[in-house]
Protein backbone atom coordinates (compact mmCIF):
# COMPACT_ATOMS: atom_id res chain seq x y z
CA MET A 1 82.96 88.52 96.47
CA SER A 2 79.27 90.14 96.05
CA ALA A 3 79.50 93.87 95.31
CA LEU A 4 78.17 94.71 98.78
CA GLU A 5 81.25 93.40 100.47
CA LEU A 6 83.47 94.82 98.09
CA THR A 7 82.30 97.95 99.40
CA ARG A 8 82.40 97.37 103.17
CA THR A 9 85.92 96.40 102.50
CA LEU A 10 86.62 99.34 100.68
CA LEU A 11 85.02 101.86 102.81
CA GLY A 12 86.90 99.64 105.99
CA LYS A 13 90.22 100.20 104.28
CA CYS A 14 89.64 104.02 102.83
CA LEU A 15 87.82 104.81 106.25
CA GLN A 16 90.09 102.82 107.90
CA LEU A 17 87.12 101.30 110.10
CA ASP A 18 87.49 98.28 112.34
CA ASN A 19 84.03 97.46 111.96
CA ALA A 20 83.06 97.19 108.16
CA ARG A 21 80.95 94.33 108.24
CA LEU A 22 78.71 95.84 110.32
CA LEU A 23 77.71 98.34 107.17
CA THR A 24 74.61 97.95 106.05
CA ARG A 25 73.12 98.84 102.88
CA GLU A 26 70.85 101.52 104.64
CA THR A 27 73.96 103.03 106.61
CA ARG A 28 74.59 106.85 105.31
CA LEU A 29 77.81 108.04 103.79
CA LEU A 30 78.11 111.47 102.77
CA GLY A 31 77.53 114.16 105.24
CA HIS A 32 77.04 111.44 108.22
CA ILE A 33 80.93 109.75 108.35
CA PRO A 34 82.86 112.95 109.41
CA GLU A 35 86.09 110.94 107.40
CA LEU A 36 84.24 110.93 104.13
CA ASN A 37 85.87 113.58 102.50
CA SER A 38 86.46 114.45 99.02
CA LEU A 39 89.84 113.10 100.02
CA THR A 40 88.93 110.20 101.17
CA VAL A 41 86.24 109.90 98.00
CA ALA A 42 89.20 110.20 95.74
CA THR A 43 90.82 107.12 97.04
CA LEU A 44 87.53 105.48 97.16
CA VAL A 45 86.78 105.90 93.97
CA MET A 46 90.79 105.07 92.98
CA GLU A 47 90.42 101.76 95.23
CA ILE A 48 87.28 100.57 93.49
CA GLU A 49 88.97 101.22 89.55
CA GLU A 50 92.29 99.12 90.78
CA THR A 51 89.82 96.06 92.71
CA VAL A 52 87.24 95.99 89.76
CA ASP A 53 89.58 97.04 86.85
CA CYS A 54 87.40 99.61 85.57
CA GLU A 55 87.54 103.46 84.79
CA ILE A 56 85.33 105.68 86.23
CA GLU A 57 84.25 108.83 84.21
CA ASP A 58 84.14 112.14 86.40
CA GLU A 59 80.60 112.21 85.19
CA GLU A 60 79.28 109.14 86.53
CA MET A 61 80.38 111.04 89.50
CA THR A 62 77.14 111.75 91.61
CA ALA A 63 76.61 112.79 95.34
CA ASP A 64 73.59 110.22 95.33
CA ILE A 65 76.68 107.48 94.65
CA PHE A 66 77.88 108.33 98.02
CA ASP A 67 74.31 108.65 99.96
CA THR A 68 74.12 105.04 101.54
CA VAL A 69 76.38 101.79 101.45
CA GLY A 70 73.77 100.30 99.12
CA SER A 71 73.79 102.85 97.00
CA LEU A 72 77.94 102.76 96.44
CA ALA A 73 76.90 98.90 96.48
CA ASP A 74 74.84 99.11 93.42
CA PHE A 75 77.49 101.73 91.34
CA VAL A 76 79.66 99.22 92.19
CA ASP A 77 77.72 96.34 90.93
CA LYS A 78 77.40 98.13 87.75
CA LYS A 79 80.90 98.14 87.59
CA MET A 80 81.69 94.53 87.84
CA ALA A 81 78.90 93.72 85.16
CA SER A 82 80.46 96.30 82.99
CA THR A 83 83.93 94.38 83.13
């Protein structure tokens, strides 16, 4: 599974989206999807850690990562490559 597909799947799960497959790399996240709040971000981070079998340090987390689906997918790809 590609990082983009995995990101869509995890966003769909965490945000309870039925149409997560329609998310594009350009889809804006933070500040544009009301359901994406601090609790959802924490859940999403835990899901990434469990799925990719990695640890995400607090220092790694920036708002830029959650700017778009593409920026989050790039972060997931980097984590996948480091395992």
